[in-house]
N, C-alpha and C. Protein backbone atom coordinates (compact mmCIF):
# COMPACT_ATOMS: atom_id res chain seq x y z
N MET A 1 4.55 -38.99 26.42
CA MET A 1 5.79 -39.48 26.98
C MET A 1 6.77 -38.32 27.02
N THR A 2 7.47 -38.14 28.10
CA THR A 2 8.43 -37.05 28.24
C THR A 2 9.83 -37.58 28.07
N THR A 3 10.76 -36.66 27.86
CA THR A 3 12.15 -37.07 27.65
C THR A 3 13.04 -36.34 28.61
N LYS A 4 14.21 -36.89 28.87
CA LYS A 4 15.19 -36.30 29.77
C LYS A 4 16.51 -36.17 29.02
N PRO A 5 17.13 -35.00 29.10
CA PRO A 5 18.39 -34.86 28.39
C PRO A 5 19.51 -35.59 29.12
N GLU A 6 20.40 -36.13 28.34
CA GLU A 6 21.63 -36.68 28.89
C GLU A 6 22.73 -35.70 28.54
N HIS A 7 23.56 -35.39 29.46
CA HIS A 7 24.61 -34.42 29.21
C HIS A 7 25.94 -35.01 29.68
N PHE A 8 26.88 -35.06 28.81
CA PHE A 8 28.20 -35.60 29.12
C PHE A 8 29.22 -34.56 28.74
N SER A 9 30.27 -34.42 29.53
CA SER A 9 31.31 -33.48 29.15
C SER A 9 32.65 -33.96 29.68
N TYR A 10 33.68 -33.25 29.30
CA TYR A 10 35.05 -33.51 29.71
C TYR A 10 35.52 -34.92 29.39
N GLY A 11 35.44 -35.25 28.15
CA GLY A 11 36.04 -36.47 27.67
C GLY A 11 35.20 -37.72 27.83
N GLU A 12 34.03 -37.63 28.41
CA GLU A 12 33.20 -38.82 28.55
C GLU A 12 32.40 -39.02 27.27
N ARG A 13 32.10 -40.24 26.96
CA ARG A 13 31.30 -40.58 25.79
C ARG A 13 29.93 -41.03 26.26
N SER A 14 28.93 -40.86 25.38
CA SER A 14 27.56 -41.23 25.69
C SER A 14 27.41 -42.75 25.75
N PRO A 15 26.79 -43.31 26.84
CA PRO A 15 26.56 -44.75 26.90
C PRO A 15 25.24 -45.12 26.25
N SER A 16 24.79 -44.39 25.25
CA SER A 16 23.48 -44.64 24.65
C SER A 16 23.50 -45.93 23.85
N PRO A 17 22.32 -46.60 23.75
CA PRO A 17 22.26 -47.84 23.00
C PRO A 17 22.43 -47.63 21.51
N ARG A 18 22.06 -46.47 20.99
CA ARG A 18 22.21 -46.25 19.55
C ARG A 18 23.52 -45.52 19.28
N PRO A 19 24.15 -45.77 18.16
CA PRO A 19 25.45 -45.14 17.89
C PRO A 19 25.26 -43.65 17.59
N SER A 20 26.28 -42.88 17.89
CA SER A 20 26.26 -41.45 17.62
C SER A 20 26.38 -41.20 16.13
N PRO A 21 25.71 -40.18 15.64
CA PRO A 21 25.88 -39.85 14.22
C PRO A 21 27.32 -39.46 13.96
N PRO A 22 27.78 -39.68 12.73
CA PRO A 22 29.17 -39.33 12.43
C PRO A 22 29.39 -37.84 12.62
N GLY A 23 30.49 -37.50 13.24
CA GLY A 23 30.85 -36.09 13.40
C GLY A 23 30.32 -35.47 14.67
N GLU A 24 29.49 -36.17 15.46
CA GLU A 24 28.90 -35.57 16.64
C GLU A 24 29.98 -35.47 17.72
N GLY A 25 30.22 -34.29 18.20
CA GLY A 25 31.19 -34.06 19.26
C GLY A 25 32.62 -34.01 18.80
N GLU A 26 32.90 -34.12 17.52
CA GLU A 26 34.28 -34.16 17.04
C GLU A 26 34.99 -32.83 17.23
N VAL A 27 34.27 -31.71 17.07
CA VAL A 27 34.91 -30.41 17.21
C VAL A 27 35.44 -30.24 18.62
N PHE A 28 34.69 -30.68 19.60
CA PHE A 28 35.12 -30.51 20.97
C PHE A 28 36.20 -31.51 21.36
N GLU A 29 36.26 -32.68 20.70
CA GLU A 29 37.33 -33.64 20.97
C GLU A 29 38.68 -33.05 20.63
N ARG A 30 38.76 -32.28 19.56
CA ARG A 30 40.04 -31.68 19.17
C ARG A 30 40.51 -30.68 20.21
N LEU A 31 39.55 -30.06 20.92
CA LEU A 31 39.91 -29.11 21.95
C LEU A 31 40.15 -29.77 23.30
N GLY A 32 39.95 -31.07 23.36
CA GLY A 32 40.18 -31.78 24.61
C GLY A 32 38.91 -31.96 25.41
N VAL A 33 37.75 -31.56 24.88
CA VAL A 33 36.49 -31.69 25.60
C VAL A 33 35.48 -32.31 24.65
N VAL A 34 34.75 -33.28 25.12
CA VAL A 34 33.69 -33.88 24.32
C VAL A 34 32.38 -33.52 24.99
N THR A 35 31.48 -32.86 24.24
CA THR A 35 30.16 -32.53 24.77
C THR A 35 29.13 -33.14 23.86
N VAL A 36 28.35 -34.03 24.41
CA VAL A 36 27.30 -34.68 23.64
C VAL A 36 26.02 -34.52 24.43
N GLN A 37 25.01 -33.96 23.81
CA GLN A 37 23.72 -33.82 24.47
C GLN A 37 22.68 -34.43 23.55
N ARG A 38 21.91 -35.36 24.07
CA ARG A 38 20.95 -36.06 23.24
C ARG A 38 19.67 -36.23 24.05
N LEU A 39 18.50 -36.08 23.40
CA LEU A 39 17.22 -36.32 24.07
C LEU A 39 16.77 -37.73 23.74
N LEU A 40 16.50 -38.49 24.77
CA LEU A 40 16.03 -39.85 24.57
C LEU A 40 14.54 -39.88 24.91
N PRO A 41 13.67 -40.38 24.02
CA PRO A 41 12.24 -40.33 24.25
C PRO A 41 11.75 -41.20 25.40
N ALA A 42 12.54 -42.15 25.91
CA ALA A 42 12.06 -43.06 26.94
C ALA A 42 12.10 -42.45 28.33
N ARG A 43 12.82 -41.36 28.52
CA ARG A 43 12.98 -40.81 29.87
C ARG A 43 12.24 -39.48 29.99
N PRO A 44 11.61 -39.17 31.12
CA PRO A 44 10.87 -37.91 31.28
C PRO A 44 11.82 -36.73 31.40
N LEU A 45 11.36 -35.60 30.85
CA LEU A 45 12.12 -34.35 30.92
C LEU A 45 11.55 -33.53 32.06
N SER A 46 12.37 -33.10 32.98
CA SER A 46 11.91 -32.28 34.09
C SER A 46 12.67 -30.97 34.05
N ILE A 47 11.88 -29.90 34.10
CA ILE A 47 12.48 -28.57 34.13
C ILE A 47 12.12 -27.95 35.46
N PRO A 48 13.09 -27.48 36.24
CA PRO A 48 12.76 -26.89 37.53
C PRO A 48 11.90 -25.65 37.33
N SER A 49 10.82 -25.55 38.09
CA SER A 49 9.95 -24.38 37.96
C SER A 49 10.47 -23.28 38.87
N PRO A 50 10.16 -22.02 38.57
CA PRO A 50 10.64 -20.92 39.39
C PRO A 50 9.86 -20.78 40.69
N GLY A 51 8.90 -21.66 40.96
CA GLY A 51 8.17 -21.61 42.22
C GLY A 51 6.81 -20.97 42.10
N GLY A 52 6.13 -21.09 41.02
CA GLY A 52 4.81 -20.48 40.86
C GLY A 52 3.80 -21.48 40.37
N GLU A 53 2.55 -21.08 40.31
CA GLU A 53 1.42 -21.87 39.83
C GLU A 53 1.30 -23.22 40.52
N GLY A 54 1.25 -23.21 41.85
CA GLY A 54 0.98 -24.44 42.58
C GLY A 54 2.16 -25.38 42.65
N GLN A 55 3.29 -25.01 42.17
CA GLN A 55 4.47 -25.87 42.22
C GLN A 55 5.37 -25.35 43.34
N GLY A 56 6.01 -26.25 44.00
CA GLY A 56 6.95 -25.83 45.01
C GLY A 56 8.20 -25.28 44.37
N GLU A 57 8.95 -24.50 45.11
CA GLU A 57 10.14 -23.90 44.53
C GLU A 57 11.15 -24.97 44.18
N GLY A 58 11.58 -24.94 42.96
CA GLY A 58 12.59 -25.87 42.50
C GLY A 58 12.06 -27.24 42.16
N GLU A 59 10.75 -27.47 42.25
CA GLU A 59 10.21 -28.78 41.89
C GLU A 59 10.24 -28.95 40.38
N PRO A 60 10.54 -30.14 39.91
CA PRO A 60 10.54 -30.35 38.46
C PRO A 60 9.13 -30.32 37.89
N THR A 61 9.00 -29.74 36.71
CA THR A 61 7.73 -29.64 36.01
C THR A 61 7.77 -30.55 34.80
N PRO A 62 6.82 -31.46 34.64
CA PRO A 62 6.82 -32.28 33.42
C PRO A 62 6.55 -31.38 32.21
N TYR A 63 7.24 -31.65 31.14
CA TYR A 63 7.16 -30.78 29.97
C TYR A 63 7.23 -31.61 28.72
N ARG A 64 6.34 -31.38 27.78
CA ARG A 64 6.36 -32.15 26.53
C ARG A 64 7.09 -31.33 25.48
N ILE A 65 7.97 -31.95 24.75
CA ILE A 65 8.80 -31.26 23.76
C ILE A 65 7.97 -30.73 22.61
N GLY A 66 7.15 -31.50 21.97
CA GLY A 66 6.40 -31.09 20.78
C GLY A 66 5.31 -30.08 21.07
N THR A 67 4.77 -30.04 22.27
CA THR A 67 3.66 -29.15 22.60
C THR A 67 4.07 -27.69 22.54
N ALA A 68 5.23 -27.36 23.04
CA ALA A 68 5.67 -25.96 23.06
C ALA A 68 5.84 -25.42 21.65
N LYS A 69 6.36 -26.25 20.75
CA LYS A 69 6.54 -25.78 19.37
C LYS A 69 5.20 -25.53 18.69
N ARG A 70 4.24 -26.40 18.91
CA ARG A 70 2.92 -26.23 18.28
C ARG A 70 2.21 -25.01 18.84
N ALA A 71 2.33 -24.74 20.12
CA ALA A 71 1.64 -23.61 20.73
C ALA A 71 2.22 -22.28 20.21
N ARG A 72 3.48 -22.23 19.93
CA ARG A 72 4.10 -20.99 19.46
C ARG A 72 3.90 -20.78 17.97
N ALA A 73 3.58 -21.80 17.22
CA ALA A 73 3.49 -21.69 15.77
C ALA A 73 2.13 -21.21 15.29
N ALA A 74 1.13 -21.11 16.13
CA ALA A 74 -0.22 -20.76 15.70
C ALA A 74 -0.61 -19.37 16.21
N PHE A 75 -1.61 -18.78 15.56
CA PHE A 75 -2.18 -17.51 16.00
C PHE A 75 -3.37 -17.81 16.90
N THR A 76 -3.59 -16.95 17.86
CA THR A 76 -4.77 -17.12 18.71
C THR A 76 -5.98 -16.54 18.00
N LEU A 77 -7.15 -16.91 18.47
CA LEU A 77 -8.39 -16.41 17.88
C LEU A 77 -8.48 -14.90 18.01
N VAL A 78 -8.02 -14.36 19.11
CA VAL A 78 -8.05 -12.90 19.31
C VAL A 78 -7.16 -12.20 18.29
N GLU A 79 -5.98 -12.77 18.03
CA GLU A 79 -5.09 -12.17 17.03
C GLU A 79 -5.70 -12.20 15.63
N VAL A 80 -6.34 -13.30 15.28
CA VAL A 80 -6.98 -13.41 13.97
C VAL A 80 -8.12 -12.43 13.84
N LEU A 81 -8.96 -12.32 14.88
CA LEU A 81 -10.08 -11.38 14.85
C LEU A 81 -9.60 -9.93 14.80
N ALA A 82 -8.54 -9.63 15.52
CA ALA A 82 -7.99 -8.27 15.48
C ALA A 82 -7.46 -7.95 14.09
N ALA A 83 -6.80 -8.89 13.45
CA ALA A 83 -6.29 -8.67 12.09
C ALA A 83 -7.44 -8.48 11.11
N LEU A 84 -8.50 -9.27 11.23
CA LEU A 84 -9.66 -9.12 10.35
C LEU A 84 -10.35 -7.78 10.56
N ALA A 85 -10.48 -7.35 11.82
CA ALA A 85 -11.09 -6.05 12.09
C ALA A 85 -10.24 -4.92 11.50
N PHE A 86 -8.93 -5.03 11.65
CA PHE A 86 -8.03 -4.03 11.08
C PHE A 86 -8.16 -3.97 9.56
N MET A 87 -8.21 -5.15 8.92
CA MET A 87 -8.36 -5.19 7.46
C MET A 87 -9.72 -4.66 7.03
N ALA A 88 -10.76 -4.90 7.83
CA ALA A 88 -12.10 -4.41 7.49
C ALA A 88 -12.14 -2.89 7.52
N ILE A 89 -11.29 -2.28 8.29
CA ILE A 89 -11.23 -0.81 8.35
C ILE A 89 -10.31 -0.27 7.26
N VAL A 90 -9.16 -0.87 7.08
CA VAL A 90 -8.15 -0.33 6.18
C VAL A 90 -8.49 -0.54 4.70
N ILE A 91 -9.01 -1.69 4.33
CA ILE A 91 -9.24 -1.99 2.91
C ILE A 91 -10.24 -1.03 2.27
N PRO A 92 -11.41 -0.74 2.87
CA PRO A 92 -12.32 0.23 2.23
C PRO A 92 -11.71 1.62 2.10
N VAL A 93 -10.94 2.04 3.10
CA VAL A 93 -10.31 3.35 3.04
C VAL A 93 -9.27 3.38 1.92
N ALA A 94 -8.50 2.32 1.78
CA ALA A 94 -7.48 2.26 0.72
C ALA A 94 -8.13 2.24 -0.66
N VAL A 95 -9.21 1.48 -0.82
CA VAL A 95 -9.90 1.41 -2.12
C VAL A 95 -10.50 2.77 -2.47
N ASP A 96 -11.09 3.45 -1.47
CA ASP A 96 -11.64 4.78 -1.72
C ASP A 96 -10.53 5.77 -2.09
N GLY A 97 -9.39 5.66 -1.44
CA GLY A 97 -8.26 6.52 -1.78
C GLY A 97 -7.77 6.28 -3.20
N LEU A 98 -7.73 5.02 -3.62
CA LEU A 98 -7.32 4.70 -5.00
C LEU A 98 -8.33 5.23 -6.00
N ARG A 99 -9.63 5.15 -5.67
CA ARG A 99 -10.67 5.66 -6.56
C ARG A 99 -10.54 7.18 -6.72
N ILE A 100 -10.31 7.88 -5.61
CA ILE A 100 -10.15 9.34 -5.66
C ILE A 100 -8.90 9.73 -6.44
N ALA A 101 -7.81 9.01 -6.22
CA ALA A 101 -6.57 9.31 -6.94
C ALA A 101 -6.74 9.06 -8.44
N ASN A 102 -7.44 7.99 -8.80
CA ASN A 102 -7.69 7.69 -10.21
C ASN A 102 -8.53 8.80 -10.85
N ARG A 103 -9.57 9.21 -10.15
CA ARG A 103 -10.44 10.28 -10.67
C ARG A 103 -9.66 11.58 -10.83
N ALA A 104 -8.85 11.92 -9.83
CA ALA A 104 -8.06 13.15 -9.91
C ALA A 104 -7.09 13.12 -11.09
N GLY A 105 -6.49 11.95 -11.33
CA GLY A 105 -5.58 11.82 -12.46
C GLY A 105 -6.30 11.98 -13.80
N GLN A 106 -7.47 11.35 -13.93
CA GLN A 106 -8.22 11.48 -15.18
C GLN A 106 -8.73 12.90 -15.39
N VAL A 107 -9.20 13.55 -14.33
CA VAL A 107 -9.66 14.94 -14.45
C VAL A 107 -8.50 15.84 -14.85
N GLY A 108 -7.34 15.62 -14.26
CA GLY A 108 -6.16 16.42 -14.61
C GLY A 108 -5.78 16.27 -16.07
N GLN A 109 -5.80 15.04 -16.58
CA GLN A 109 -5.47 14.81 -17.99
C GLN A 109 -6.49 15.48 -18.91
N ARG A 110 -7.76 15.34 -18.58
CA ARG A 110 -8.79 15.94 -19.44
C ARG A 110 -8.80 17.45 -19.34
N LYS A 111 -8.46 18.01 -18.19
CA LYS A 111 -8.36 19.46 -18.09
C LYS A 111 -7.19 19.98 -18.93
N ALA A 112 -6.11 19.24 -18.98
CA ALA A 112 -4.98 19.65 -19.83
C ALA A 112 -5.39 19.65 -21.30
N VAL A 113 -6.14 18.63 -21.72
CA VAL A 113 -6.62 18.58 -23.11
C VAL A 113 -7.59 19.73 -23.35
N ALA A 114 -8.50 20.00 -22.40
CA ALA A 114 -9.48 21.09 -22.55
C ALA A 114 -8.78 22.44 -22.62
N ALA A 115 -7.71 22.64 -21.85
CA ALA A 115 -6.97 23.90 -21.90
C ALA A 115 -6.28 24.07 -23.26
N ARG A 116 -5.75 22.98 -23.80
CA ARG A 116 -5.13 23.03 -25.13
C ARG A 116 -6.17 23.38 -26.20
N ILE A 117 -7.36 22.80 -26.09
CA ILE A 117 -8.44 23.10 -27.05
C ILE A 117 -8.87 24.56 -26.91
N ALA A 118 -9.03 25.04 -25.67
CA ALA A 118 -9.44 26.43 -25.44
C ALA A 118 -8.41 27.40 -26.01
N GLU A 119 -7.14 27.11 -25.83
CA GLU A 119 -6.09 27.99 -26.37
C GLU A 119 -6.12 27.98 -27.89
N ARG A 120 -6.29 26.83 -28.49
CA ARG A 120 -6.35 26.73 -29.95
C ARG A 120 -7.55 27.51 -30.51
N VAL A 121 -8.76 27.34 -29.90
CA VAL A 121 -9.96 28.05 -30.35
C VAL A 121 -9.80 29.55 -30.14
N LEU A 122 -9.25 29.97 -29.01
CA LEU A 122 -9.07 31.40 -28.73
C LEU A 122 -8.12 32.03 -29.73
N ASN A 123 -7.01 31.37 -30.03
CA ASN A 123 -6.07 31.89 -31.03
C ASN A 123 -6.73 31.99 -32.40
N GLU A 124 -7.49 30.99 -32.77
CA GLU A 124 -8.17 30.99 -34.07
C GLU A 124 -9.19 32.12 -34.17
N VAL A 125 -9.95 32.34 -33.11
CA VAL A 125 -10.98 33.39 -33.08
C VAL A 125 -10.34 34.77 -33.17
N VAL A 126 -9.23 34.97 -32.46
CA VAL A 126 -8.57 36.28 -32.48
C VAL A 126 -7.90 36.53 -33.83
N ILE A 127 -7.23 35.54 -34.37
CA ILE A 127 -6.51 35.72 -35.64
C ILE A 127 -7.48 35.94 -36.79
N THR A 128 -8.57 35.20 -36.83
CA THR A 128 -9.52 35.33 -37.95
C THR A 128 -10.50 36.49 -37.77
N GLY A 129 -10.52 37.13 -36.61
CA GLY A 129 -11.42 38.25 -36.36
C GLY A 129 -12.84 37.84 -36.05
N GLN A 130 -13.07 36.59 -35.71
CA GLN A 130 -14.41 36.11 -35.39
C GLN A 130 -14.88 36.55 -34.00
N PHE A 131 -14.04 37.23 -33.25
CA PHE A 131 -14.40 37.65 -31.90
C PHE A 131 -15.46 38.74 -31.89
N ARG A 132 -15.72 39.39 -33.05
CA ARG A 132 -16.70 40.48 -33.10
C ARG A 132 -18.12 39.96 -32.87
N SER A 133 -18.40 38.74 -33.27
CA SER A 133 -19.72 38.19 -32.95
C SER A 133 -19.75 37.88 -31.45
N THR A 134 -20.90 38.04 -30.83
CA THR A 134 -20.98 37.92 -29.37
C THR A 134 -20.78 36.49 -28.88
N THR A 135 -21.30 35.50 -29.59
CA THR A 135 -21.13 34.11 -29.13
C THR A 135 -20.90 33.18 -30.32
N GLN A 136 -20.17 32.13 -30.02
CA GLN A 136 -19.95 31.03 -30.96
C GLN A 136 -19.82 29.76 -30.14
N SER A 137 -20.05 28.62 -30.77
CA SER A 137 -19.89 27.34 -30.06
C SER A 137 -19.51 26.25 -31.05
N GLY A 138 -19.04 25.14 -30.51
CA GLY A 138 -18.65 24.01 -31.35
C GLY A 138 -18.26 22.82 -30.48
N THR A 139 -17.91 21.75 -31.14
CA THR A 139 -17.50 20.53 -30.44
C THR A 139 -16.21 20.02 -31.08
N VAL A 140 -15.28 19.63 -30.23
CA VAL A 140 -14.00 19.06 -30.69
C VAL A 140 -13.92 17.64 -30.13
N GLN A 141 -13.58 16.69 -30.99
CA GLN A 141 -13.44 15.30 -30.58
C GLN A 141 -11.95 15.00 -30.38
N GLU A 142 -11.57 14.61 -29.18
CA GLU A 142 -10.19 14.21 -28.87
C GLU A 142 -10.23 12.76 -28.40
N GLY A 143 -9.84 11.83 -29.23
CA GLY A 143 -9.92 10.41 -28.88
C GLY A 143 -11.38 10.00 -28.79
N VAL A 144 -11.76 9.44 -27.65
CA VAL A 144 -13.16 9.04 -27.46
C VAL A 144 -13.97 10.12 -26.74
N GLN A 145 -13.30 11.16 -26.27
CA GLN A 145 -13.96 12.21 -25.48
C GLN A 145 -14.34 13.40 -26.36
N ALA A 146 -15.58 13.87 -26.20
CA ALA A 146 -16.04 15.06 -26.92
C ALA A 146 -15.96 16.26 -25.97
N TYR A 147 -15.36 17.37 -26.45
CA TYR A 147 -15.23 18.60 -25.67
C TYR A 147 -16.06 19.68 -26.36
N GLN A 148 -17.00 20.23 -25.63
CA GLN A 148 -17.85 21.28 -26.19
C GLN A 148 -17.30 22.63 -25.76
N TRP A 149 -17.16 23.58 -26.73
CA TRP A 149 -16.61 24.88 -26.41
C TRP A 149 -17.61 25.98 -26.74
N PHE A 150 -17.50 27.09 -26.00
CA PHE A 150 -18.32 28.29 -26.20
C PHE A 150 -17.40 29.49 -26.17
N MET A 151 -17.59 30.41 -27.12
CA MET A 151 -16.83 31.66 -27.15
C MET A 151 -17.81 32.80 -26.89
N ARG A 152 -17.40 33.69 -26.01
CA ARG A 152 -18.23 34.85 -25.69
C ARG A 152 -17.33 36.08 -25.67
N SER A 153 -17.80 37.17 -26.32
CA SER A 153 -17.04 38.43 -26.26
C SER A 153 -17.94 39.51 -25.67
N GLU A 154 -17.35 40.33 -24.83
CA GLU A 154 -18.08 41.42 -24.17
C GLU A 154 -17.16 42.62 -24.04
N PRO A 155 -17.73 43.82 -23.99
CA PRO A 155 -16.89 45.01 -23.89
C PRO A 155 -16.13 45.07 -22.56
N TRP A 156 -14.93 45.58 -22.65
CA TRP A 156 -14.09 45.76 -21.46
C TRP A 156 -14.39 47.14 -20.90
N PRO A 157 -14.71 47.29 -19.61
CA PRO A 157 -15.16 48.58 -19.09
C PRO A 157 -14.07 49.66 -19.01
N MET A 158 -12.80 49.33 -19.01
CA MET A 158 -11.73 50.30 -18.82
C MET A 158 -11.29 50.99 -20.10
N ASP A 159 -11.47 50.34 -21.22
CA ASP A 159 -10.88 50.85 -22.46
C ASP A 159 -11.75 50.40 -23.63
N ALA A 160 -11.34 50.75 -24.83
CA ALA A 160 -12.06 50.33 -26.03
C ALA A 160 -11.57 48.96 -26.46
N MET A 161 -11.71 47.99 -25.57
CA MET A 161 -11.25 46.62 -25.84
C MET A 161 -12.40 45.66 -25.61
N LEU A 162 -12.22 44.46 -26.13
CA LEU A 162 -13.19 43.39 -25.91
C LEU A 162 -12.53 42.28 -25.09
N LEU A 163 -13.31 41.74 -24.15
CA LEU A 163 -12.87 40.59 -23.38
C LEU A 163 -13.43 39.35 -24.08
N VAL A 164 -12.54 38.53 -24.63
CA VAL A 164 -12.95 37.33 -25.35
C VAL A 164 -12.63 36.13 -24.44
N THR A 165 -13.67 35.33 -24.16
CA THR A 165 -13.53 34.17 -23.27
C THR A 165 -13.97 32.91 -24.01
N VAL A 166 -13.15 31.88 -23.91
CA VAL A 166 -13.50 30.57 -24.45
C VAL A 166 -13.64 29.62 -23.27
N GLN A 167 -14.78 28.94 -23.21
CA GLN A 167 -15.04 27.96 -22.15
C GLN A 167 -15.19 26.59 -22.80
N VAL A 168 -14.44 25.61 -22.31
CA VAL A 168 -14.52 24.24 -22.81
C VAL A 168 -15.09 23.36 -21.70
N ASN A 169 -16.19 22.66 -22.00
CA ASN A 169 -16.86 21.77 -21.04
C ASN A 169 -16.62 20.31 -21.41
N PHE A 170 -16.52 19.48 -20.38
CA PHE A 170 -16.39 18.03 -20.61
C PHE A 170 -16.96 17.29 -19.41
N PRO A 171 -17.64 16.17 -19.67
CA PRO A 171 -18.16 15.36 -18.55
C PRO A 171 -17.11 14.37 -18.05
N MET A 172 -17.18 14.09 -16.75
CA MET A 172 -16.25 13.13 -16.16
C MET A 172 -16.93 12.45 -14.99
N GLN A 173 -17.20 11.15 -15.09
CA GLN A 173 -17.80 10.34 -14.04
C GLN A 173 -19.07 10.99 -13.48
N GLY A 174 -19.94 11.43 -14.39
CA GLY A 174 -21.23 11.97 -14.00
C GLY A 174 -21.22 13.43 -13.59
N ARG A 175 -20.09 14.10 -13.64
CA ARG A 175 -20.01 15.53 -13.29
C ARG A 175 -19.52 16.30 -14.50
N GLU A 176 -19.87 17.57 -14.54
CA GLU A 176 -19.47 18.45 -15.64
C GLU A 176 -18.31 19.33 -15.16
N PHE A 177 -17.23 19.34 -15.92
CA PHE A 177 -16.06 20.17 -15.61
C PHE A 177 -15.87 21.16 -16.75
N ASP A 178 -15.22 22.28 -16.43
CA ASP A 178 -14.95 23.27 -17.48
C ASP A 178 -13.61 23.94 -17.28
N VAL A 179 -13.08 24.47 -18.40
CA VAL A 179 -11.83 25.24 -18.41
C VAL A 179 -12.12 26.52 -19.16
N ARG A 180 -11.69 27.66 -18.61
CA ARG A 180 -11.94 28.95 -19.26
C ARG A 180 -10.62 29.67 -19.51
N LEU A 181 -10.50 30.23 -20.72
CA LEU A 181 -9.36 31.08 -21.08
C LEU A 181 -9.91 32.39 -21.61
N SER A 182 -9.29 33.50 -21.20
CA SER A 182 -9.74 34.82 -21.64
C SER A 182 -8.56 35.64 -22.12
N THR A 183 -8.85 36.60 -23.00
CA THR A 183 -7.84 37.53 -23.46
C THR A 183 -8.54 38.84 -23.82
N LEU A 184 -7.76 39.91 -23.87
CA LEU A 184 -8.28 41.22 -24.28
C LEU A 184 -7.84 41.47 -25.72
N VAL A 185 -8.79 41.96 -26.53
CA VAL A 185 -8.53 42.26 -27.94
C VAL A 185 -8.87 43.71 -28.17
N ASP A 186 -7.94 44.41 -28.84
CA ASP A 186 -8.18 45.82 -29.16
C ASP A 186 -9.26 45.90 -30.24
N ASN A 187 -10.37 46.54 -29.93
CA ASN A 187 -11.50 46.62 -30.83
C ASN A 187 -11.44 47.85 -31.73
N SER A 188 -10.63 48.84 -31.41
CA SER A 188 -10.61 50.11 -32.14
C SER A 188 -9.92 50.00 -33.50
N THR A 189 -8.91 49.15 -33.66
CA THR A 189 -8.17 49.09 -34.92
C THR A 189 -8.82 48.20 -35.95
N GLN A 190 -9.71 47.35 -35.60
CA GLN A 190 -10.25 46.41 -36.58
C GLN A 190 -11.65 46.75 -36.92
């Protein structure tokens, strides 16, 4: 069933069978104009067409009030499929990016711990004079992670010095990472 609007203006009141809600048109009455527009379900609504799709120019087109609202409120199948295809591409890329960022953060933290361990072992080896032996090794436990270190000393070709290197290894997600610190120690005075 279609509806037709009733439009009244310039002081006329609606001759509708049902009473107007309180306050309807009161603002315009104070200005000297009463405008009341009401849709009655018993009368067909005709909207003049612009002259296309088999309609003559200016011919009224039957139009249902509720249909237009329902058609605009839903997504089409093409829109839903396009959104699903977009999500199917974006979600795996985003998850992979988060995995890489997480791994990079963990590797960075463990490399900082490994560098601190290497510096501590290198200082201890130099201060105690243990650098004269060619190699040493050990394991340091930091939290739940074990860091294995190796110390190697070799002659420096330019002078009577020794190159002392400490390498700290640690596993991370199935790969082996390492941090190396080196220093030169004067071998002639000791």
